[in-house]
């Protein structure tokens, strides 16, 4: 394992975050804080508890997951797409760095940014709504697995995209609606029976449900099923990434 190469690419990507701190960290935190103000403090005080949990606290895991999902995809996709756009990706591919080390570097940096953002949003949420975390270790595990999995998905998206418009297509028109419909602001048990079955087709439901379990010990689906779904998606992303580098899909001219 070429650790100096991994450290160099990782440090370069993290330095880019420091240069764009306002866009990468501050803006998502402020945007999510507005959700806490509106839905947590204002509307939440007028709504009934869900499963014995105050509504303002109930939406905290969903909002953290919303930010982690979107930022993981965005950071990883831009991180690999921009070298493609400028042509510097060929310098990386021709360097004595294996494909595994390239993926670990870019995906590791994107996942690190997302986890930092998730923890900052968690700390910000405590300012607006009181809550306790029932399973802190499980919460960190879900956060890390989600950040890594969707950073890997974003890495694939960045290789696939041919333009900045394509880069934004999947996060804005696919991932964002799935997250909102995945139980970020409600429990799927509140839906009619037919729509509960439809909601189970949405993979984001399992992510949010498992993450919410780590906070409040309550879940819409079995916690083992949530972990299994994350594992399946992670394996699918790993297999797709391996195929991309084996075939040179959209990497070789």
C-alpha atoms as a PDB file:
ATOM      1  CA  UNK A   1       0.000   0.000   0.000  1.00  0.00           C
ATOM      2  CA  UNK A   2       1.494   3.338  -1.101  1.00  0.00           C
ATOM      3  CA  UNK A   3       0.717   5.369   2.011  1.00  0.00           C
ATOM      4  CA  UNK A   4       2.566   8.548   0.902  1.00  0.00           C
ATOM      5  CA  UNK A   5       0.464   8.656  -2.277  1.00  0.00           C
ATOM      6  CA  UNK A   6      -2.764   8.140  -0.348  1.00  0.00           C
ATOM      7  CA  UNK A   7      -1.773  10.837   2.110  1.00  0.00           C
ATOM      8  CA  UNK A   8      -0.888  13.264  -0.699  1.00  0.00           C
ATOM      9  CA  UNK A   9      -4.212  12.901  -2.540  1.00  0.00           C
ATOM     10  CA  UNK A  10      -6.171  12.866   0.716  1.00  0.00           C
ATOM     11  CA  UNK A  11      -4.421  16.015   1.968  1.00  0.00           C
ATOM     12  CA  UNK A  12      -5.008  17.777  -1.355  1.00  0.00           C
ATOM     13  CA  UNK A  13      -8.753  17.044  -1.201  1.00  0.00           C
ATOM     14  CA  UNK A  14      -9.024  18.126   2.444  1.00  0.00           C
ATOM     15  CA  UNK A  15      -7.103  21.319   1.624  1.00  0.00           C
ATOM     16  CA  UNK A  16      -9.701  22.092  -1.042  1.00  0.00           C
ATOM     17  CA  UNK A  17     -12.343  21.944   1.683  1.00  0.00           C
ATOM     18  CA  UNK A  18     -10.413  24.438   3.778  1.00  0.00           C
ATOM     19  CA  UNK A  19     -10.196  26.784   0.801  1.00  0.00           C
ATOM     20  CA  UNK A  20     -13.957  26.552   0.249  1.00  0.00           C
ATOM     21  CA  UNK A  21     -14.969  26.380   3.906  1.00  0.00           C
ATOM     22  CA  UNK A  22     -17.994  28.627   3.434  1.00  0.00           C
ATOM     23  CA  UNK A  23     -19.451  26.470   0.681  1.00  0.00           C
ATOM     24  CA  UNK A  24     -18.379  23.073   2.017  1.00  0.00           C
ATOM     25  CA  UNK A  25     -19.197  23.370   5.721  1.00  0.00           C
ATOM     26  CA  UNK A  26     -20.795  26.654   6.760  1.00  0.00           C
ATOM     27  CA  UNK A  27     -23.568  26.742   4.140  1.00  0.00           C
ATOM     28  CA  UNK A  28     -24.884  23.185   4.802  1.00  0.00           C
ATOM     29  CA  UNK A  29     -24.834  23.775   8.557  1.00  0.00           C
ATOM     30  CA  UNK A  30     -26.762  27.035   8.243  1.00  0.00           C
ATOM     31  CA  UNK A  31     -29.255  25.491   5.797  1.00  0.00           C
ATOM     32  CA  UNK A  32     -29.917  22.564   8.134  1.00  0.00           C
ATOM     33  CA  UNK A  33     -30.219  24.941  11.092  1.00  0.00           C
ATOM     34  CA  UNK A  34     -33.129  26.603   9.319  1.00  0.00           C
ATOM     35  CA  UNK A  35     -34.904  23.239   9.266  1.00  0.00           C
ATOM     36  CA  UNK A  36     -34.406  22.966  13.020  1.00  0.00           C
ATOM     37  CA  UNK A  37     -35.755  26.484  13.545  1.00  0.00           C
ATOM     38  CA  UNK A  38     -38.834  25.981  11.351  1.00  0.00           C
ATOM     39  CA  UNK A  39     -39.688  22.320  11.916  1.00  0.00           C
ATOM     40  CA  UNK A  40     -38.111  21.831  15.316  1.00  0.00           C
ATOM     41  CA  UNK A  41     -38.728  24.983  17.320  1.00  0.00           C
ATOM     42  CA  UNK A  42     -41.703  26.569  15.522  1.00  0.00           C
ATOM     43  CA  UNK A  43     -43.818  23.768  14.041  1.00  0.00           C
ATOM     44  CA  UNK A  44     -42.474  20.988  16.251  1.00  0.00           C
ATOM     45  CA  UNK A  45     -43.862  22.534  19.419  1.00  0.00           C
ATOM     46  CA  UNK A  46     -47.366  22.319  17.945  1.00  0.00           C
ATOM     47  CA  UNK A  47     -47.146  18.678  16.838  1.00  0.00           C
ATOM     48  CA  UNK A  48     -47.753  15.518  18.828  1.00  0.00           C
ATOM     49  CA  UNK A  49     -44.921  13.205  19.835  1.00  0.00           C
ATOM     50  CA  UNK A  50     -43.969  10.323  17.533  1.00  0.00           C
ATOM     51  CA  UNK A  51     -43.328   7.106  19.401  1.00  0.00           C
ATOM     52  CA  UNK A  52     -42.831   9.081  22.595  1.00  0.00           C
ATOM     53  CA  UNK A  53     -40.223  11.357  20.982  1.00  0.00           C
ATOM     54  CA  UNK A  54     -40.777  15.079  20.530  1.00  0.00           C
ATOM     55  CA  UNK A  55     -41.108  15.992  16.874  1.00  0.00           C
ATOM     56  CA  UNK A  56     -38.225  18.472  17.005  1.00  0.00           C
ATOM     57  CA  UNK A  57     -35.896  15.715  18.210  1.00  0.00           C
ATOM     58  CA  UNK A  58     -37.458  13.096  15.923  1.00  0.00           C
ATOM     59  CA  UNK A  59     -36.329  14.875  12.750  1.00  0.00           C
ATOM     60  CA  UNK A  60     -32.699  15.286  13.877  1.00  0.00           C
ATOM     61  CA  UNK A  61     -31.442  11.924  12.489  1.00  0.00           C
ATOM     62  CA  UNK A  62     -33.294  12.469   9.215  1.00  0.00           C
ATOM     63  CA  UNK A  63     -31.821  15.927   8.702  1.00  0.00           C
ATOM     64  CA  UNK A  64     -28.309  14.732   9.517  1.00  0.00           C
ATOM     65  CA  UNK A  65     -28.727  11.857   7.074  1.00  0.00           C
ATOM     66  CA  UNK A  66     -30.081  14.250   4.428  1.00  0.00           C
ATOM     67  CA  UNK A  67     -26.961  16.408   4.676  1.00  0.00           C
ATOM     68  CA  UNK A  68     -24.521  13.485   4.853  1.00  0.00           C
ATOM     69  CA  UNK A  69     -26.038  11.786   1.795  1.00  0.00           C
ATOM     70  CA  UNK A  70     -26.033  14.869  -0.409  1.00  0.00           C
ATOM     71  CA  UNK A  71     -22.630  16.157   0.694  1.00  0.00           C
ATOM     72  CA  UNK A  72     -20.979  12.730   0.370  1.00  0.00           C
ATOM     73  CA  UNK A  73     -22.139  12.442  -3.223  1.00  0.00           C
ATOM     74  CA  UNK A  74     -21.299  16.050  -4.027  1.00  0.00           C
ATOM     75  CA  UNK A  75     -17.795  16.004  -2.507  1.00  0.00           C
ATOM     76  CA  UNK A  76     -16.762  12.705  -4.061  1.00  0.00           C
ATOM     77  CA  UNK A  77     -18.249  13.354  -7.495  1.00  0.00           C
ATOM     78  CA  UNK A  78     -16.661  16.800  -7.835  1.00  0.00           C
ATOM     79  CA  UNK A  79     -13.378  15.519  -6.418  1.00  0.00           C
ATOM     80  CA  UNK A  80     -12.895  13.041  -9.276  1.00  0.00           C
ATOM     81  CA  UNK A  81     -14.797  14.924 -11.994  1.00  0.00           C
ATOM     82  CA  UNK A  82     -12.683  18.094 -11.808  1.00  0.00           C
ATOM     83  CA  UNK A  83      -9.390  16.256 -12.576  1.00  0.00           C
ATOM     84  CA  UNK A  84     -11.221  14.668 -15.530  1.00  0.00           C
ATOM     85  CA  UNK A  85     -12.431  18.088 -16.651  1.00  0.00           C
ATOM     86  CA  UNK A  86      -8.958  19.657 -16.466  1.00  0.00           C
ATOM     87  CA  UNK A  87      -7.137  16.569 -17.766  1.00  0.00           C
ATOM     88  CA  UNK A  88      -4.979  16.118 -14.661  1.00  0.00           C
ATOM     89  CA  UNK A  89      -6.589  12.720 -14.005  1.00  0.00           C
ATOM     90  CA  UNK A  90      -4.111  11.182 -16.486  1.00  0.00           C
ATOM     91  CA  UNK A  91      -1.231  12.296 -14.279  1.00  0.00           C
ATOM     92  CA  UNK A  92      -2.780  10.374 -11.397  1.00  0.00           C
ATOM     93  CA  UNK A  93      -3.495   7.312 -13.540  1.00  0.00           C
ATOM     94  CA  UNK A  94       0.073   7.250 -14.889  1.00  0.00           C
ATOM     95  CA  UNK A  95       1.650   7.650 -11.451  1.00  0.00           C
ATOM     96  CA  UNK A  96       2.838   4.580  -9.469  1.00  0.00           C
ATOM     97  CA  UNK A  97      -0.469   4.504  -7.589  1.00  0.00           C
ATOM     98  CA  UNK A  98      -2.854   1.559  -7.717  1.00  0.00           C
ATOM     99  CA  UNK A  99      -6.553   1.929  -8.408  1.00  0.00           C
ATOM    100  CA  UNK A 100      -7.320   0.878  -4.838  1.00  0.00           C
ATOM    101  CA  UNK A 101      -5.132   3.678  -3.488  1.00  0.00           C
ATOM    102  CA  UNK A 102      -6.818   6.227  -5.767  1.00  0.00           C
ATOM    103  CA  UNK A 103     -10.275   5.183  -4.580  1.00  0.00           C
ATOM    104  CA  UNK A 104      -9.234   5.092  -0.918  1.00  0.00           C
ATOM    105  CA  UNK A 105      -7.780   8.606  -1.200  1.00  0.00           C
ATOM    106  CA  UNK A 106     -10.687  10.336  -2.929  1.00  0.00           C
ATOM    107  CA  UNK A 107     -13.470   8.427  -1.179  1.00  0.00           C
ATOM    108  CA  UNK A 108     -11.736   8.685   2.194  1.00  0.00           C
ATOM    109  CA  UNK A 109     -11.457  12.466   1.878  1.00  0.00           C
ATOM    110  CA  UNK A 110     -15.099  12.848   0.810  1.00  0.00           C
ATOM    111  CA  UNK A 111     -16.299  10.586   3.641  1.00  0.00           C
ATOM    112  CA  UNK A 112     -14.187  12.495   6.170  1.00  0.00           C
ATOM    113  CA  UNK A 113     -15.747  15.799   5.096  1.00  0.00           C
ATOM    114  CA  UNK A 114     -19.248  14.337   5.354  1.00  0.00           C
ATOM    115  CA  UNK A 115     -18.639  12.901   8.820  1.00  0.00           C
ATOM    116  CA  UNK A 116     -17.246  16.222  10.045  1.00  0.00           C
ATOM    117  CA  UNK A 117     -20.315  17.949   8.638  1.00  0.00           C
ATOM    118  CA  UNK A 118     -22.618  15.391  10.253  1.00  0.00           C
ATOM    119  CA  UNK A 119     -21.032  15.894  13.661  1.00  0.00           C
ATOM    120  CA  UNK A 120     -21.257  19.683  13.319  1.00  0.00           C
ATOM    121  CA  UNK A 121     -24.954  19.438  12.446  1.00  0.00           C
ATOM    122  CA  UNK A 122     -25.456  17.110  15.416  1.00  0.00           C
ATOM    123  CA  UNK A 123     -23.846  19.669  17.719  1.00  0.00           C
ATOM    124  CA  UNK A 124     -25.924  22.454  16.158  1.00  0.00           C
ATOM    125  CA  UNK A 125     -29.132  20.464  16.684  1.00  0.00           C
ATOM    126  CA  UNK A 126     -28.508  20.380  20.439  1.00  0.00           C
ATOM    127  CA  UNK A 127     -28.800  24.164  20.446  1.00  0.00           C
ATOM    128  CA  UNK A 128     -32.384  24.006  19.168  1.00  0.00           C
ATOM    129  CA  UNK A 129     -33.835  20.745  20.511  1.00  0.00           C
ATOM    130  CA  UNK A 130     -32.920  18.541  23.499  1.00  0.00           C
ATOM    131  CA  UNK A 131     -32.295  14.852  22.816  1.00  0.00           C
ATOM    132  CA  UNK A 132     -30.149  11.934  23.905  1.00  0.00           C
ATOM    133  CA  UNK A 133     -28.365   9.295  21.816  1.00  0.00           C
ATOM    134  CA  UNK A 134     -29.329   5.788  22.934  1.00  0.00           C
ATOM    135  CA  UNK A 135     -26.551   3.981  21.044  1.00  0.00           C
ATOM    136  CA  UNK A 136     -23.593   6.325  20.376  1.00  0.00           C
ATOM    137  CA  UNK A 137     -21.352   3.604  18.921  1.00  0.00           C
ATOM    138  CA  UNK A 138     -24.089   2.456  16.527  1.00  0.00           C
ATOM    139  CA  UNK A 139     -24.729   6.075  15.551  1.00  0.00           C
ATOM    140  CA  UNK A 140     -21.073   6.550  14.575  1.00  0.00           C
ATOM    141  CA  UNK A 141     -21.108   3.227  12.718  1.00  0.00           C
ATOM    142  CA  UNK A 142     -24.171   4.188  10.675  1.00  0.00           C
ATOM    143  CA  UNK A 143     -22.716   7.629  10.007  1.00  0.00           C
ATOM    144  CA  UNK A 144     -19.392   6.185   8.820  1.00  0.00           C
ATOM    145  CA  UNK A 145     -20.956   3.460   6.655  1.00  0.00           C
ATOM    146  CA  UNK A 146     -23.356   5.927   5.046  1.00  0.00           C
ATOM    147  CA  UNK A 147     -20.613   8.478   4.376  1.00  0.00           C
ATOM    148  CA  UNK A 148     -18.287   5.859   2.849  1.00  0.00           C
ATOM    149  CA  UNK A 149     -21.005   4.184   0.777  1.00  0.00           C
ATOM    150  CA  UNK A 150     -22.411   7.367  -0.729  1.00  0.00           C
ATOM    151  CA  UNK A 151     -18.957   8.867  -1.228  1.00  0.00           C
ATOM    152  CA  UNK A 152     -18.168   5.786  -3.275  1.00  0.00           C
ATOM    153  CA  UNK A 153     -21.438   6.268  -5.151  1.00  0.00           C
ATOM    154  CA  UNK A 154     -20.487   9.902  -5.778  1.00  0.00           C
ATOM    155  CA  UNK A 155     -17.068   8.783  -7.034  1.00  0.00           C
ATOM    156  CA  UNK A 156     -18.821   6.571  -9.603  1.00  0.00           C
ATOM    157  CA  UNK A 157     -21.117   9.442 -10.532  1.00  0.00           C
ATOM    158  CA  UNK A 158     -18.141  11.753 -11.051  1.00  0.00           C
ATOM    159  CA  UNK A 159     -16.534   9.291 -13.448  1.00  0.00           C
ATOM    160  CA  UNK A 160     -19.810   8.773 -15.328  1.00  0.00           C
ATOM    161  CA  UNK A 161     -20.653  12.479 -15.719  1.00  0.00           C
ATOM    162  CA  UNK A 162     -19.637  14.288 -18.884  1.00  0.00           C
ATOM    163  CA  UNK A 163     -20.723  17.742 -17.728  1.00  0.00           C
ATOM    164  CA  UNK A 164     -21.466  19.732 -14.599  1.00  0.00           C
ATOM    165  CA  UNK A 165     -25.175  19.405 -15.417  1.00  0.00           C
ATOM    166  CA  UNK A 166     -24.948  15.612 -15.276  1.00  0.00           C
ATOM    167  CA  UNK A 167     -22.978  15.931 -12.060  1.00  0.00           C
ATOM    168  CA  UNK A 168     -25.951  17.646 -10.392  1.00  0.00           C
ATOM    169  CA  UNK A 169     -28.682  15.572 -12.013  1.00  0.00           C
ATOM    170  CA  UNK A 170     -28.625  12.518  -9.735  1.00  0.00           C
ATOM    171  CA  UNK A 171     -28.182  14.339  -6.373  1.00  0.00           C
ATOM    172  CA  UNK A 172     -30.894  16.921  -7.056  1.00  0.00           C
ATOM    173  CA  UNK A 173     -33.494  14.909  -8.984  1.00  0.00           C
ATOM    174  CA  UNK A 174     -32.996  11.431  -7.541  1.00  0.00           C
ATOM    175  CA  UNK A 175     -31.246  11.381  -4.156  1.00  0.00           C
ATOM    176  CA  UNK A 176     -32.881  14.493  -2.695  1.00  0.00           C
ATOM    177  CA  UNK A 177     -36.503  13.381  -3.395  1.00  0.00           C
ATOM    178  CA  UNK A 178     -35.748   9.852  -2.144  1.00  0.00           C
ATOM    179  CA  UNK A 179     -34.375  11.321   1.082  1.00  0.00           C
ATOM    180  CA  UNK A 180     -37.403  13.529   1.676  1.00  0.00           C
ATOM    181  CA  UNK A 181     -39.699  10.575   0.929  1.00  0.00           C
ATOM    182  CA  UNK A 182     -37.577   8.228   3.037  1.00  0.00           C
ATOM    183  CA  UNK A 183     -38.898   9.338   6.411  1.00  0.00           C
ATOM    184  CA  UNK A 184     -36.716  12.338   7.186  1.00  0.00           C
ATOM    185  CA  UNK A 185     -39.687  14.249   8.611  1.00  0.00           C
ATOM    186  CA  UNK A 186     -42.055  11.402   9.496  1.00  0.00           C
ATOM    187  CA  UNK A 187     -42.290   7.725  10.330  1.00  0.00           C
ATOM    188  CA  UNK A 188     -43.480   5.517   7.491  1.00  0.00           C
ATOM    189  CA  UNK A 189     -45.824   3.841  10.002  1.00  0.00           C
ATOM    190  CA  UNK A 190     -47.882   7.033   9.767  1.00  0.00           C
ATOM    191  CA  UNK A 191     -48.654   6.250   6.119  1.00  0.00           C
ATOM    192  CA  UNK A 192     -51.600   4.154   4.887  1.00  0.00           C
ATOM    193  CA  UNK A 193     -50.755   0.415   4.542  1.00  0.00           C
ATOM    194  CA  UNK A 194     -50.378   0.582   0.752  1.00  0.00           C
ATOM    195  CA  UNK A 195     -47.958   3.495   0.855  1.00  0.00           C
ATOM    196  CA  UNK A 196     -45.974   1.844   3.638  1.00  0.00           C
ATOM    197  CA  UNK A 197     -45.253  -1.029   1.244  1.00  0.00           C
ATOM    198  CA  UNK A 198     -44.349   1.427  -1.500  1.00  0.00           C
ATOM    199  CA  UNK A 199     -42.003   3.288   0.867  1.00  0.00           C
ATOM    200  CA  UNK A 200     -40.073   0.069   1.550  1.00  0.00           C
ATOM    201  CA  UNK A 201     -38.886   0.159  -2.072  1.00  0.00           C
ATOM    202  CA  UNK A 202     -36.986   3.359  -1.239  1.00  0.00           C
ATOM    203  CA  UNK A 203     -33.480   2.352  -0.035  1.00  0.00           C
ATOM    204  CA  UNK A 204     -33.082   5.594   1.914  1.00  0.00           C
ATOM    205  CA  UNK A 205     -35.843   4.438   4.284  1.00  0.00           C
ATOM    206  CA  UNK A 206     -33.508   1.769   5.662  1.00  0.00           C
ATOM    207  CA  UNK A 207     -30.664   4.241   6.172  1.00  0.00           C
ATOM    208  CA  UNK A 208     -32.764   6.802   8.034  1.00  0.00           C
ATOM    209  CA  UNK A 209     -34.607   4.140  10.035  1.00  0.00           C
ATOM    210  CA  UNK A 210     -31.383   2.538  11.227  1.00  0.00           C
ATOM    211  CA  UNK A 211     -29.799   5.877  12.033  1.00  0.00           C
ATOM    212  CA  UNK A 212     -32.913   6.961  13.975  1.00  0.00           C
ATOM    213  CA  UNK A 213     -32.781   3.702  15.942  1.00  0.00           C
ATOM    214  CA  UNK A 214     -29.305   4.621  17.179  1.00  0.00           C
ATOM    215  CA  UNK A 215     -30.778   7.817  18.623  1.00  0.00           C
ATOM    216  CA  UNK A 216     -34.140   6.822  20.072  1.00  0.00           C
ATOM    217  CA  UNK A 217     -34.170   2.998  20.048  1.00  0.00           C
ATOM    218  CA  UNK A 218     -37.129   3.073  17.654  1.00  0.00           C
ATOM    219  CA  UNK A 219     -37.212   1.942  14.042  1.00  0.00           C
ATOM    220  CA  UNK A 220     -39.568   1.508  11.099  1.00  0.00           C
ATOM    221  CA  UNK A 221     -37.751  -1.597   9.813  1.00  0.00           C
ATOM    222  CA  UNK A 222     -35.603  -4.238  11.462  1.00  0.00           C
ATOM    223  CA  UNK A 223     -32.164  -2.878  12.345  1.00  0.00           C
ATOM    224  CA  UNK A 224     -30.498  -5.947  10.817  1.00  0.00           C
ATOM    225  CA  UNK A 225     -32.276  -5.247   7.549  1.00  0.00           C
ATOM    226  CA  UNK A 226     -31.009  -1.657   7.621  1.00  0.00           C
ATOM    227  CA  UNK A 227     -27.420  -2.834   8.022  1.00  0.00           C
ATOM    228  CA  UNK A 228     -27.910  -5.437   5.305  1.00  0.00           C
ATOM    229  CA  UNK A 229     -29.196  -2.816   2.858  1.00  0.00           C
ATOM    230  CA  UNK A 230     -26.185  -0.591   3.497  1.00  0.00           C
ATOM    231  CA  UNK A 231     -23.919  -3.601   3.001  1.00  0.00           C
ATOM    232  CA  UNK A 232     -25.587  -4.543  -0.286  1.00  0.00           C
ATOM    233  CA  UNK A 233     -25.311  -0.999  -1.650  1.00  0.00           C
ATOM    234  CA  UNK A 234     -21.683  -0.740  -0.531  1.00  0.00           C
ATOM    235  CA  UNK A 235     -20.796  -4.027  -2.237  1.00  0.00           C
ATOM    236  CA  UNK A 236     -22.570  -2.899  -5.410  1.00  0.00           C
ATOM    237  CA  UNK A 237     -20.568   0.348  -5.438  1.00  0.00           C
ATOM    238  CA  UNK A 238     -17.297  -1.512  -4.840  1.00  0.00           C
ATOM    239  CA  UNK A 239     -18.065  -3.926  -7.678  1.00  0.00           C
ATOM    240  CA  UNK A 240     -18.965  -1.060 -10.026  1.00  0.00           C
ATOM    241  CA  UNK A 241     -15.779   0.830  -9.160  1.00  0.00           C
ATOM    242  CA  UNK A 242     -13.679  -2.273  -9.783  1.00  0.00           C
ATOM    243  CA  UNK A 243     -15.338  -2.718 -13.178  1.00  0.00           C
ATOM    244  CA  UNK A 244     -14.698   0.935 -14.088  1.00  0.00           C
ATOM    245  CA  UNK A 245     -10.967   0.676 -13.433  1.00  0.00           C
ATOM    246  CA  UNK A 246     -10.704  -2.741 -15.039  1.00  0.00           C
ATOM    247  CA  UNK A 247     -12.334  -1.566 -18.266  1.00  0.00           C
ATOM    248  CA  UNK A 248     -11.181   2.069 -18.179  1.00  0.00           C
ATOM    249  CA  UNK A 249     -14.772   3.275 -18.561  1.00  0.00           C
ATOM    250  CA  UNK A 250     -14.671   7.051 -19.207  1.00  0.00           C
ATOM    251  CA  UNK A 251     -11.142   7.194 -17.835  1.00  0.00           C
ATOM    252  CA  UNK A 252      -9.190   6.326 -20.960  1.00  0.00           C
ATOM    253  CA  UNK A 253      -9.418   8.521 -24.062  1.00  0.00           C
END
